[in-house]
């Protein structure tokens, strides 16, 4: 989560710097995807078997340059 927040802050800062006169960077498309998985953990004894569930989150944001 910290990486996402840092990335968004950096993109906002760079777009505010006006590195390119007459152009600005605008968000174009944002995609959020999730993955879930369930894994059996076999510890050799039926009484101690466990299941591990995992959740993955991916956020992808595309930007385009626009003339002001």
PDB file of N, CA and C in Angstrom:
ATOM      1  N   UNK A   1       0.819  -1.187   0.000  1.00  0.00           N
ATOM      2  CA  UNK A   1       0.000   0.000   0.000  1.00  0.00           C
ATOM      3  C   UNK A   1       0.867   1.257   0.000  1.00  0.00           C
ATOM      4  N   UNK A   2       1.997   1.212   0.728  1.00  0.00           N
ATOM      5  CA  UNK A   2       2.885   2.374   0.766  1.00  0.00           C
ATOM      6  C   UNK A   2       3.468   2.664  -0.611  1.00  0.00           C
ATOM      7  N   UNK A   3       3.775   1.587  -1.364  1.00  0.00           N
ATOM      8  CA  UNK A   3       4.326   1.781  -2.713  1.00  0.00           C
ATOM      9  C   UNK A   3       3.315   2.471  -3.619  1.00  0.00           C
ATOM     10  N   UNK A   4       2.058   2.080  -3.482  1.00  0.00           N
ATOM     11  CA  UNK A   4       1.014   2.685  -4.311  1.00  0.00           C
ATOM     12  C   UNK A   4       0.863   4.165  -3.980  1.00  0.00           C
ATOM     13  N   UNK A   5       0.810   4.479  -2.691  1.00  0.00           N
ATOM     14  CA  UNK A   5       0.658   5.873  -2.286  1.00  0.00           C
ATOM     15  C   UNK A   5       1.865   6.705  -2.716  1.00  0.00           C
ATOM     16  N   UNK A   6       3.063   6.159  -2.581  1.00  0.00           N
ATOM     17  CA  UNK A   6       4.265   6.876  -3.003  1.00  0.00           C
ATOM     18  C   UNK A   6       4.244   7.107  -4.511  1.00  0.00           C
ATOM     19  N   UNK A   7       3.859   6.090  -5.267  1.00  0.00           N
ATOM     20  CA  UNK A   7       3.808   6.218  -6.725  1.00  0.00           C
ATOM     21  C   UNK A   7       2.815   7.296  -7.161  1.00  0.00           C
ATOM     22  N   UNK A   8       1.646   7.302  -6.531  1.00  0.00           N
ATOM     23  CA  UNK A   8       0.648   8.311  -6.883  1.00  0.00           C
ATOM     24  C   UNK A   8       1.123   9.714  -6.526  1.00  0.00           C
ATOM     25  N   UNK A   9       1.783   9.856  -5.378  1.00  0.00           N
ATOM     26  CA  UNK A   9       2.306  11.165  -4.973  1.00  0.00           C
ATOM     27  C   UNK A   9       3.399  11.633  -5.935  1.00  0.00           C
ATOM     28  N   UNK A  10       4.250  10.717  -6.353  1.00  0.00           N
ATOM     29  CA  UNK A  10       5.321  11.059  -7.288  1.00  0.00           C
ATOM     30  C   UNK A  10       4.751  11.490  -8.643  1.00  0.00           C
ATOM     31  N   UNK A  11       3.778  10.768  -9.139  1.00  0.00           N
ATOM     32  CA  UNK A  11       3.157  11.123 -10.419  1.00  0.00           C
ATOM     33  C   UNK A  11       2.482  12.487 -10.324  1.00  0.00           C
ATOM     34  N   UNK A  12       1.802  12.734  -9.221  1.00  0.00           N
ATOM     35  CA  UNK A  12       1.153  14.034  -9.031  1.00  0.00           C
ATOM     36  C   UNK A  12       2.188  15.153  -9.001  1.00  0.00           C
ATOM     37  N   UNK A  13       3.283  14.944  -8.292  1.00  0.00           N
ATOM     38  CA  UNK A  13       4.343  15.953  -8.203  1.00  0.00           C
ATOM     39  C   UNK A  13       4.949  16.221  -9.577  1.00  0.00           C
ATOM     40  N   UNK A  14       5.269  15.163 -10.323  1.00  0.00           N
ATOM     41  CA  UNK A  14       5.894  15.344 -11.636  1.00  0.00           C
ATOM     42  C   UNK A  14       4.952  16.051 -12.611  1.00  0.00           C
ATOM     43  N   UNK A  15       3.666  15.743 -12.530  1.00  0.00           N
ATOM     44  CA  UNK A  15       2.738  16.415 -13.440  1.00  0.00           C
ATOM     45  C   UNK A  15       2.561  17.883 -13.063  1.00  0.00           C
ATOM     46  N   UNK A  16       2.731  18.221 -11.780  1.00  0.00           N
ATOM     47  CA  UNK A  16       2.606  19.609 -11.333  1.00  0.00           C
ATOM     48  C   UNK A  16       3.848  20.430 -11.656  1.00  0.00           C
ATOM     49  N   UNK A  17       4.969  19.777 -11.902  1.00  0.00           N
ATOM     50  CA  UNK A  17       6.220  20.478 -12.189  1.00  0.00           C
ATOM     51  C   UNK A  17       6.222  21.127 -13.570  1.00  0.00           C
ATOM     52  N   UNK A  18       5.334  20.741 -14.436  1.00  0.00           N
ATOM     53  CA  UNK A  18       5.267  21.260 -15.805  1.00  0.00           C
ATOM     54  C   UNK A  18       6.605  21.108 -16.520  1.00  0.00           C
ATOM     55  N   UNK A  19       7.108  19.904 -16.536  1.00  0.00           N
ATOM     56  CA  UNK A  19       8.369  19.633 -17.222  1.00  0.00           C
ATOM     57  C   UNK A  19       8.243  19.911 -18.719  1.00  0.00           C
ATOM     58  N   UNK A  20       7.055  19.736 -19.247  1.00  0.00           N
ATOM     59  CA  UNK A  20       6.829  19.954 -20.671  1.00  0.00           C
ATOM     60  C   UNK A  20       5.864  21.122 -20.813  1.00  0.00           C
ATOM     61  N   UNK A  21       6.352  22.227 -21.354  1.00  0.00           N
ATOM     62  CA  UNK A  21       5.504  23.411 -21.517  1.00  0.00           C
ATOM     63  C   UNK A  21       4.356  23.095 -22.470  1.00  0.00           C
ATOM     64  N   UNK A  22       3.176  23.498 -22.064  1.00  0.00           N
ATOM     65  CA  UNK A  22       2.012  23.327 -22.915  1.00  0.00           C
ATOM     66  C   UNK A  22       1.392  21.948 -22.859  1.00  0.00           C
ATOM     67  N   UNK A  23       1.926  21.043 -22.065  1.00  0.00           N
ATOM     68  CA  UNK A  23       1.368  19.693 -21.977  1.00  0.00           C
ATOM     69  C   UNK A  23       1.189  19.314 -20.510  1.00  0.00           C
ATOM     70  N   UNK A  24       0.214  18.485 -20.263  1.00  0.00           N
ATOM     71  CA  UNK A  24       0.003  17.982 -18.908  1.00  0.00           C
ATOM     72  C   UNK A  24      -0.305  16.488 -18.980  1.00  0.00           C
ATOM     73  N   UNK A  25      -0.054  15.802 -17.890  1.00  0.00           N
ATOM     74  CA  UNK A  25      -0.293  14.372 -17.826  1.00  0.00           C
ATOM     75  C   UNK A  25      -1.610  14.139 -17.085  1.00  0.00           C
ATOM     76  N   UNK A  26      -2.511  13.403 -17.708  1.00  0.00           N
ATOM     77  CA  UNK A  26      -3.822  13.136 -17.125  1.00  0.00           C
ATOM     78  C   UNK A  26      -4.039  11.632 -17.017  1.00  0.00           C
ATOM     79  N   UNK A  27      -4.703  11.190 -15.938  1.00  0.00           N
ATOM     80  CA  UNK A  27      -5.046   9.764 -15.853  1.00  0.00           C
ATOM     81  C   UNK A  27      -5.987   9.383 -16.990  1.00  0.00           C
ATOM     82  N   UNK A  28      -5.728   8.253 -17.597  1.00  0.00           N
ATOM     83  CA  UNK A  28      -6.521   7.820 -18.744  1.00  0.00           C
ATOM     84  C   UNK A  28      -7.374   6.602 -18.388  1.00  0.00           C
ATOM     85  N   UNK A  29      -6.743   5.604 -17.747  1.00  0.00           N
ATOM     86  CA  UNK A  29      -7.446   4.358 -17.473  1.00  0.00           C
ATOM     87  C   UNK A  29      -6.870   3.738 -16.203  1.00  0.00           C
ATOM     88  N   UNK A  30      -7.736   3.296 -15.317  1.00  0.00           N
ATOM     89  CA  UNK A  30      -7.314   2.627 -14.086  1.00  0.00           C
ATOM     90  C   UNK A  30      -7.956   1.251 -14.043  1.00  0.00           C
ATOM     91  N   UNK A  31      -7.136   0.243 -13.782  1.00  0.00           N
ATOM     92  CA  UNK A  31      -7.609  -1.128 -13.707  1.00  0.00           C
ATOM     93  C   UNK A  31      -7.237  -1.709 -12.348  1.00  0.00           C
ATOM     94  N   UNK A  32      -8.207  -2.287 -11.676  1.00  0.00           N
ATOM     95  CA  UNK A  32      -7.964  -2.957 -10.397  1.00  0.00           C
ATOM     96  C   UNK A  32      -8.357  -4.417 -10.566  1.00  0.00           C
ATOM     97  N   UNK A  33      -7.440  -5.317 -10.237  1.00  0.00           N
ATOM     98  CA  UNK A  33      -7.764  -6.741 -10.314  1.00  0.00           C
ATOM     99  C   UNK A  33      -7.358  -7.431  -9.020  1.00  0.00           C
ATOM    100  N   UNK A  34      -8.108  -8.461  -8.689  1.00  0.00           N
ATOM    101  CA  UNK A  34      -7.825  -9.225  -7.485  1.00  0.00           C
ATOM    102  C   UNK A  34      -7.681 -10.697  -7.830  1.00  0.00           C
ATOM    103  N   UNK A  35      -6.896 -11.387  -7.042  1.00  0.00           N
ATOM    104  CA  UNK A  35      -6.764 -12.831  -7.177  1.00  0.00           C
ATOM    105  C   UNK A  35      -6.888 -13.442  -5.787  1.00  0.00           C
ATOM    106  N   UNK A  36      -7.510 -14.583  -5.737  1.00  0.00           N
ATOM    107  CA  UNK A  36      -7.605 -15.311  -4.477  1.00  0.00           C
ATOM    108  C   UNK A  36      -7.150 -16.739  -4.721  1.00  0.00           C
ATOM    109  N   UNK A  37      -6.558 -17.323  -3.702  1.00  0.00           N
ATOM    110  CA  UNK A  37      -6.148 -18.720  -3.815  1.00  0.00           C
ATOM    111  C   UNK A  37      -6.257 -19.394  -2.459  1.00  0.00           C
ATOM    112  N   UNK A  38      -6.468 -20.683  -2.509  1.00  0.00           N
ATOM    113  CA  UNK A  38      -6.566 -21.496  -1.301  1.00  0.00           C
ATOM    114  C   UNK A  38      -5.543 -22.624  -1.451  1.00  0.00           C
ATOM    115  N   UNK A  39      -4.671 -22.756  -0.463  1.00  0.00           N
ATOM    116  CA  UNK A  39      -3.615 -23.749  -0.512  1.00  0.00           C
ATOM    117  C   UNK A  39      -3.727 -24.667   0.693  1.00  0.00           C
ATOM    118  N   UNK A  40      -3.687 -25.979   0.440  1.00  0.00           N
ATOM    119  CA  UNK A  40      -3.678 -26.952   1.534  1.00  0.00           C
ATOM    120  C   UNK A  40      -2.257 -27.121   2.043  1.00  0.00           C
ATOM    121  N   UNK A  41      -2.098 -27.095   3.359  1.00  0.00           N
ATOM    122  CA  UNK A  41      -0.797 -27.311   3.981  1.00  0.00           C
ATOM    123  C   UNK A  41      -0.875 -28.646   4.709  1.00  0.00           C
ATOM    124  N   UNK A  42      -0.125 -29.625   4.195  1.00  0.00           N
ATOM    125  CA  UNK A  42      -0.134 -30.970   4.769  1.00  0.00           C
ATOM    126  C   UNK A  42       1.080 -31.123   5.672  1.00  0.00           C
ATOM    127  N   UNK A  43       0.826 -31.300   6.957  1.00  0.00           N
ATOM    128  CA  UNK A  43       1.913 -31.417   7.919  1.00  0.00           C
ATOM    129  C   UNK A  43       2.189 -32.870   8.293  1.00  0.00           C
ATOM    130  N   UNK A  44       1.660 -33.805   7.538  1.00  0.00           N
ATOM    131  CA  UNK A  44       1.942 -35.211   7.781  1.00  0.00           C
ATOM    132  C   UNK A  44       0.961 -35.883   8.731  1.00  0.00           C
ATOM    133  N   UNK A  45       0.229 -35.137   9.514  1.00  0.00           N
ATOM    134  CA  UNK A  45      -0.753 -35.692  10.437  1.00  0.00           C
ATOM    135  C   UNK A  45      -2.104 -35.072  10.096  1.00  0.00           C
ATOM    136  N   UNK A  46      -3.116 -35.917   9.897  1.00  0.00           N
ATOM    137  CA  UNK A  46      -4.439 -35.420   9.472  1.00  0.00           C
ATOM    138  C   UNK A  46      -5.023 -34.396  10.435  1.00  0.00           C
ATOM    139  N   UNK A  47      -4.690 -34.474  11.708  1.00  0.00           N
ATOM    140  CA  UNK A  47      -5.253 -33.541  12.686  1.00  0.00           C
ATOM    141  C   UNK A  47      -4.676 -32.140  12.558  1.00  0.00           C
ATOM    142  N   UNK A  48      -3.508 -32.017  11.934  1.00  0.00           N
ATOM    143  CA  UNK A  48      -2.832 -30.713  11.887  1.00  0.00           C
ATOM    144  C   UNK A  48      -2.843 -30.076  10.500  1.00  0.00           C
ATOM    145  N   UNK A  49      -3.559 -30.669   9.559  1.00  0.00           N
ATOM    146  CA  UNK A  49      -3.637 -30.075   8.223  1.00  0.00           C
ATOM    147  C   UNK A  49      -4.299 -28.705   8.307  1.00  0.00           C
ATOM    148  N   UNK A  50      -3.846 -27.794   7.452  1.00  0.00           N
ATOM    149  CA  UNK A  50      -4.369 -26.435   7.458  1.00  0.00           C
ATOM    150  C   UNK A  50      -4.641 -25.988   6.032  1.00  0.00           C
ATOM    151  N   UNK A  51      -5.422 -24.932   5.914  1.00  0.00           N
ATOM    152  CA  UNK A  51      -5.646 -24.286   4.626  1.00  0.00           C
ATOM    153  C   UNK A  51      -5.184 -22.844   4.733  1.00  0.00           C
ATOM    154  N   UNK A  52      -4.480 -22.395   3.715  1.00  0.00           N
ATOM    155  CA  UNK A  52      -3.996 -21.015   3.687  1.00  0.00           C
ATOM    156  C   UNK A  52      -4.703 -20.298   2.545  1.00  0.00           C
ATOM    157  N   UNK A  53      -5.340 -19.185   2.862  1.00  0.00           N
ATOM    158  CA  UNK A  53      -5.980 -18.402   1.811  1.00  0.00           C
ATOM    159  C   UNK A  53      -5.156 -17.138   1.569  1.00  0.00           C
ATOM    160  N   UNK A  54      -5.025 -16.766   0.308  1.00  0.00           N
ATOM    161  CA  UNK A  54      -4.245 -15.599  -0.075  1.00  0.00           C
ATOM    162  C   UNK A  54      -5.086 -14.688  -0.954  1.00  0.00           C
ATOM    163  N   UNK A  55      -4.846 -13.399  -0.810  1.00  0.00           N
ATOM    164  CA  UNK A  55      -5.528 -12.397  -1.619  1.00  0.00           C
ATOM    165  C   UNK A  55      -4.473 -11.506  -2.254  1.00  0.00           C
ATOM    166  N   UNK A  56      -4.541 -11.337  -3.556  1.00  0.00           N
ATOM    167  CA  UNK A  56      -3.621 -10.446  -4.271  1.00  0.00           C
ATOM    168  C   UNK A  56      -4.394  -9.289  -4.875  1.00  0.00           C
ATOM    169  N   UNK A  57      -3.787  -8.121  -4.867  1.00  0.00           N
ATOM    170  CA  UNK A  57      -4.421  -6.918  -5.401  1.00  0.00           C
ATOM    171  C   UNK A  57      -3.434  -6.226  -6.336  1.00  0.00           C
ATOM    172  N   UNK A  58      -3.876  -5.929  -7.545  1.00  0.00           N
ATOM    173  CA  UNK A  58      -3.045  -5.238  -8.523  1.00  0.00           C
ATOM    174  C   UNK A  58      -3.790  -3.997  -9.011  1.00  0.00           C
ATOM    175  N   UNK A  59      -3.120  -2.854  -8.945  1.00  0.00           N
ATOM    176  CA  UNK A  59      -3.690  -1.606  -9.450  1.00  0.00           C
ATOM    177  C   UNK A  59      -2.783  -1.127 -10.583  1.00  0.00           C
ATOM    178  N   UNK A  60      -3.374  -0.903 -11.743  1.00  0.00           N
ATOM    179  CA  UNK A  60      -2.623  -0.442 -12.914  1.00  0.00           C
ATOM    180  C   UNK A  60      -3.283   0.840 -13.403  1.00  0.00           C
ATOM    181  N   UNK A  61      -2.480   1.890 -13.544  1.00  0.00           N
ATOM    182  CA  UNK A  61      -3.028   3.163 -14.007  1.00  0.00           C
ATOM    183  C   UNK A  61      -2.215   3.645 -15.201  1.00  0.00           C
ATOM    184  N   UNK A  62      -2.911   3.992 -16.261  1.00  0.00           N
ATOM    185  CA  UNK A  62      -2.271   4.491 -17.477  1.00  0.00           C
ATOM    186  C   UNK A  62      -2.512   5.994 -17.569  1.00  0.00           C
ATOM    187  N   UNK A  63      -1.504   6.700 -18.029  1.00  0.00           N
ATOM    188  CA  UNK A  63      -1.589   8.151 -18.173  1.00  0.00           C
ATOM    189  C   UNK A  63      -1.339   8.526 -19.621  1.00  0.00           C
ATOM    190  N   UNK A  64      -1.928   9.637 -20.044  1.00  0.00           N
ATOM    191  CA  UNK A  64      -1.682  10.169 -21.381  1.00  0.00           C
ATOM    192  C   UNK A  64      -1.318  11.642 -21.257  1.00  0.00           C
ATOM    193  N   UNK A  65      -0.551  12.115 -22.222  1.00  0.00           N
ATOM    194  CA  UNK A  65      -0.182  13.528 -22.274  1.00  0.00           C
ATOM    195  C   UNK A  65      -1.234  14.276 -23.063  1.00  0.00           C
ATOM    196  N   UNK A  66      -1.683  15.412 -22.542  1.00  0.00           N
ATOM    197  CA  UNK A  66      -2.679  16.253 -23.229  1.00  0.00           C
ATOM    198  C   UNK A  66      -2.139  17.652 -23.357  1.00  0.00           C
ATOM    199  N   UNK A  67      -2.488  18.292 -24.469  1.00  0.00           N
ATOM    200  CA  UNK A  67      -2.155  19.705 -24.627  1.00  0.00           C
ATOM    201  C   UNK A  67      -3.033  20.528 -23.715  1.00  0.00           C
ATOM    202  N   UNK A  68      -2.456  21.538 -23.104  1.00  0.00           N
ATOM    203  CA  UNK A  68      -3.245  22.410 -22.212  1.00  0.00           C
ATOM    204  C   UNK A  68      -4.171  23.295 -22.996  1.00  0.00           C
TER     205      UNK A  68
END
